[in-house]
Amino acid sequence: AAARYGGAPEWSDLQGEILKAFGDVLRVGRITVRCYQHGTVSQAVITWPTTTSNAEGQLEEARSAFKASACIPGNWDGQSIDRFLFRVCKATSANYCVGEIYAQLHERLRVDENCVVNIATAGPSGPCVDYVLQLEDGACKVEMVWGQFADITVLSVVDGERLVVGRMNKISTRFPLMMPLDYVPTAEVLLDLVEVPSALSTTSIDDLR
């Protein structure tokens, strides 16, 4: 990304990538930010309206909320905040770290082509994932923490059968604040899986109940 934009991407470039592939968190409208500095901790909840179904409007609302937050370092200029928002959106996207986790679960559970793995992100009353940013020592730790509704399920696309195979607890990743936009962080995943047979398929789903 950084090389593609010549090292200094414009907001329009970052905006395009977020809207194309990394906009999942925009629909949540809430991120907790903790800033550790000089032995003190400050915390704020950044919120933005999500009533509009227009993703571009949600992104602009989030951008304005980030720039107005007291927990964002005061020495950051507008471009630094834009780049930071891009990284946060990317780190929490189903097309990035979370997508890789889906792929790993699919392989580990040996799910066949007629079934898909799903991680719950919403319950009856709304989102069930808390997004937390921790700023400390020139780095940002991004956490996705699941609450009550945290089922990992296997769904048959043939007959709609759904089976709970585990529970997601937390996904966290960490990246330096000063880095290329194409930096690839690693993610730590905490989850619990129930005992499953050697292969999951539409024929074996009944055996897992």
Protein backbone atom coordinates (compact mmCIF):
# COMPACT_ATOMS: atom_id res chain seq x y z
CA ALA A 1 0.00 0.00 0.00
CA ALA A 2 2.70 2.48 0.98
CA ALA A 3 4.76 1.65 -2.11
CA ARG A 4 1.67 1.82 -4.29
CA TYR A 5 0.95 5.32 -3.02
CA GLY A 6 4.54 6.49 -3.16
CA GLY A 7 4.95 6.42 0.62
CA ALA A 8 2.47 9.24 1.31
CA PRO A 9 -1.05 8.08 0.44
CA GLU A 10 -3.85 10.57 0.15
CA TRP A 11 -7.04 10.10 2.16
CA SER A 12 -8.89 9.23 -1.05
CA ASP A 13 -6.55 6.25 -1.55
CA LEU A 14 -6.99 4.98 2.01
CA GLN A 15 -10.72 5.63 1.87
CA GLY A 16 -11.01 3.54 -1.28
CA GLU A 17 -9.25 0.56 0.30
CA ILE A 18 -11.31 0.73 3.49
CA LEU A 19 -14.60 0.91 1.61
CA LYS A 20 -13.55 -1.88 -0.74
CA ALA A 21 -12.31 -4.44 1.78
CA PHE A 22 -11.80 -3.23 5.37
CA GLY A 23 -15.04 -1.55 6.47
CA ASP A 24 -16.44 -4.10 8.95
CA VAL A 25 -15.81 -2.05 12.10
CA LEU A 26 -17.56 0.98 10.60
CA ARG A 27 -20.92 -0.73 11.08
CA VAL A 28 -20.25 -1.19 14.82
CA GLY A 29 -19.87 2.48 15.67
CA ARG A 30 -17.85 2.02 18.86
CA ILE A 31 -14.18 1.49 19.83
CA THR A 32 -12.61 1.76 23.29
CA VAL A 33 -9.19 3.45 23.29
CA ARG A 34 -6.70 3.19 26.15
CA CYS A 35 -3.58 5.34 26.06
CA TYR A 36 -0.65 4.50 28.36
CA GLN A 37 1.71 7.44 28.72
CA HIS A 38 4.16 8.53 31.44
CA GLY A 39 2.77 6.03 33.93
CA THR A 40 -0.83 7.10 33.51
CA VAL A 41 -3.72 5.55 31.64
CA SER A 42 -6.42 7.51 29.89
CA GLN A 43 -9.46 5.86 28.35
CA ALA A 44 -12.18 7.02 26.05
CA VAL A 45 -14.87 5.42 23.94
CA ILE A 46 -14.92 6.64 20.36
CA THR A 47 -18.42 6.42 18.91
CA TRP A 48 -19.97 7.45 15.61
CA PRO A 49 -23.46 7.17 14.09
CA THR A 50 -24.24 4.01 12.13
CA THR A 51 -27.83 4.81 11.23
CA THR A 52 -26.91 5.50 7.62
CA SER A 53 -26.52 2.45 5.40
CA ASN A 54 -24.02 4.40 3.32
CA ALA A 55 -20.54 3.01 4.05
CA GLU A 56 -18.84 6.19 2.91
CA GLY A 57 -20.92 8.20 5.35
CA GLN A 58 -20.07 5.81 8.21
CA LEU A 59 -16.37 6.12 7.37
CA GLU A 60 -16.50 9.91 7.43
CA GLU A 61 -18.31 9.81 10.78
CA ALA A 62 -15.63 7.46 12.18
CA ARG A 63 -12.87 9.65 10.78
CA SER A 64 -14.32 12.75 12.46
CA ALA A 65 -14.75 10.87 15.75
CA PHE A 66 -11.13 9.67 15.73
CA LYS A 67 -9.85 13.18 15.08
CA ALA A 68 -11.95 14.58 17.94
CA SER A 69 -10.98 11.91 20.50
CA ALA A 70 -8.95 13.00 23.52
CA CYS A 71 -7.13 9.65 23.53
CA ILE A 72 -5.53 10.15 20.13
CA PRO A 73 -1.99 11.56 20.67
CA GLY A 74 -2.09 15.33 20.47
CA ASN A 75 1.02 15.54 18.28
CA TRP A 76 -0.61 13.59 15.45
CA ASP A 77 -1.65 15.56 12.41
CA GLY A 78 -4.67 14.75 10.29
CA GLN A 79 -2.73 12.48 7.94
CA SER A 80 -1.33 10.44 10.85
CA ILE A 81 -4.83 9.88 12.20
CA ASP A 82 -6.07 8.89 8.74
CA ARG A 83 -3.29 6.29 8.44
CA PHE A 84 -4.02 5.03 11.95
CA LEU A 85 -7.73 4.64 11.17
CA PHE A 86 -6.81 2.72 8.03
CA ARG A 87 -4.67 0.27 10.04
CA VAL A 88 -7.39 -0.20 12.66
CA CYS A 89 -10.00 -0.92 9.99
CA LYS A 90 -7.63 -3.34 8.28
CA ALA A 91 -6.70 -5.18 11.49
CA THR A 92 -10.35 -5.77 12.40
CA SER A 93 -11.54 -6.73 8.93
CA ALA A 94 -12.92 -10.12 7.94
CA ASN A 95 -10.82 -9.76 4.79
CA TYR A 96 -7.56 -9.54 6.75
CA CYS A 97 -6.60 -11.10 10.11
CA VAL A 98 -10.10 -12.40 10.81
CA GLY A 99 -10.29 -13.87 7.33
CA GLU A 100 -7.09 -15.79 7.94
CA ILE A 101 -8.54 -17.13 11.18
CA TYR A 102 -11.60 -18.36 9.28
CA ALA A 103 -9.29 -20.16 6.87
CA GLN A 104 -7.32 -21.74 9.72
CA LEU A 105 -10.51 -22.94 11.44
CA HIS A 106 -11.80 -24.31 8.16
CA GLU A 107 -8.61 -26.32 7.75
CA ARG A 108 -8.35 -27.40 11.39
CA LEU A 109 -11.95 -28.60 11.50
CA ARG A 110 -11.57 -30.20 8.08
CA VAL A 111 -14.77 -28.63 6.89
CA ASP A 112 -15.75 -29.76 3.40
CA GLU A 113 -17.01 -27.59 0.55
CA ASN A 114 -20.65 -28.02 1.56
CA CYS A 115 -20.13 -26.38 4.98
CA VAL A 116 -18.88 -23.00 6.13
CA VAL A 117 -17.40 -21.83 9.42
CA ASN A 118 -18.93 -18.77 11.07
CA ILE A 119 -17.96 -16.71 14.13
CA ALA A 120 -20.83 -14.80 15.73
CA THR A 121 -20.39 -11.03 15.73
CA ALA A 122 -23.91 -10.01 16.73
CA GLY A 123 -26.55 -11.18 19.20
CA PRO A 124 -30.26 -10.37 19.62
CA SER A 125 -29.54 -6.86 20.90
CA GLY A 126 -26.72 -5.91 18.55
CA PRO A 127 -22.94 -6.43 18.20
CA CYS A 128 -21.41 -8.95 20.61
CA VAL A 129 -17.81 -7.94 19.96
CA ASP A 130 -15.99 -5.18 21.82
CA TYR A 131 -13.21 -3.45 19.89
CA VAL A 132 -10.35 -2.17 22.08
CA LEU A 133 -7.25 -0.19 21.08
CA GLN A 134 -4.30 0.10 23.47
CA LEU A 135 -1.67 2.72 22.63
CA GLU A 136 1.64 2.24 24.44
CA ASP A 137 5.38 2.59 23.71
CA GLY A 138 4.93 3.52 20.07
CA ALA A 139 2.69 0.57 19.30
CA CYS A 140 -1.01 -0.20 19.05
CA LYS A 141 -2.63 -3.38 20.27
CA VAL A 142 -5.98 -4.08 18.64
CA GLU A 143 -8.32 -6.48 20.43
CA MET A 144 -11.64 -7.98 19.42
CA VAL A 145 -13.22 -9.35 22.61
CA TRP A 146 -16.34 -11.50 22.47
CA GLY A 147 -19.05 -11.41 25.12
CA GLN A 148 -22.07 -13.62 25.72
CA PHE A 149 -22.79 -14.57 22.11
CA ALA A 150 -19.50 -16.02 20.87
CA ASP A 151 -20.39 -19.23 19.07
CA ILE A 152 -18.16 -20.72 16.42
CA THR A 153 -20.49 -22.67 14.18
CA VAL A 154 -20.40 -24.92 11.14
CA LEU A 155 -23.29 -24.36 8.75
CA SER A 156 -24.35 -26.71 5.99
CA VAL A 157 -25.09 -24.76 2.83
CA VAL A 158 -27.09 -27.74 1.57
CA ASP A 159 -29.81 -28.02 4.22
CA GLY A 160 -29.10 -25.15 6.63
CA GLU A 161 -28.06 -27.42 9.53
CA ARG A 162 -26.11 -25.43 12.13
CA LEU A 163 -23.77 -26.89 14.72
CA VAL A 164 -21.86 -25.09 17.50
CA VAL A 165 -18.28 -26.35 17.53
CA GLY A 166 -16.64 -23.85 19.87
CA ARG A 167 -16.48 -20.40 21.40
CA MET A 168 -14.38 -17.43 20.36
CA ASN A 169 -12.85 -15.44 23.21
CA LYS A 170 -10.45 -12.89 21.79
CA ILE A 171 -8.42 -11.94 18.75
CA SER A 172 -5.55 -9.51 19.25
CA THR A 173 -2.84 -8.10 17.04
CA ARG A 174 -0.13 -5.54 17.60
CA PHE A 175 1.63 -3.18 15.22
CA PRO A 176 4.08 -0.27 15.53
CA LEU A 177 2.51 3.13 15.00
CA MET A 178 5.26 4.16 12.59
CA MET A 179 5.29 1.53 9.87
CA PRO A 180 4.57 0.98 6.19
CA LEU A 181 0.90 0.58 5.42
CA ASP A 182 1.63 -2.83 3.89
CA TYR A 183 3.14 -4.13 7.16
CA VAL A 184 1.77 -7.59 7.97
CA PRO A 185 1.12 -8.07 11.73
CA THR A 186 0.51 -11.41 13.40
CA ALA A 187 -2.61 -12.22 15.40
CA GLU A 188 -3.10 -14.06 18.68
CA VAL A 189 -6.33 -16.02 18.96
CA LEU A 190 -7.97 -17.35 22.13
CA LEU A 191 -10.79 -19.81 21.51
CA ASP A 192 -12.26 -23.06 22.78
CA LEU A 193 -13.29 -25.87 20.45
CA VAL A 194 -15.45 -28.80 21.40
CA GLU A 195 -14.26 -32.28 20.54
CA VAL A 196 -15.07 -32.92 16.90
CA PRO A 197 -14.72 -35.93 14.63
CA SER A 198 -11.89 -36.18 12.12
CA ALA A 199 -13.96 -34.60 9.37
CA LEU A 200 -16.97 -32.31 9.22
CA SER A 201 -19.34 -32.72 6.33
CA THR A 202 -23.04 -32.66 5.60
CA THR A 203 -23.13 -36.38 6.38
CA SER A 204 -21.37 -36.13 9.73
CA ILE A 205 -23.10 -33.03 11.12
CA ASP A 206 -25.77 -35.12 12.90
CA ASP A 207 -23.04 -37.05 14.72
CA LEU A 208 -21.78 -33.84 16.34
CA ARG A 209 -24.97 -33.00 18.21
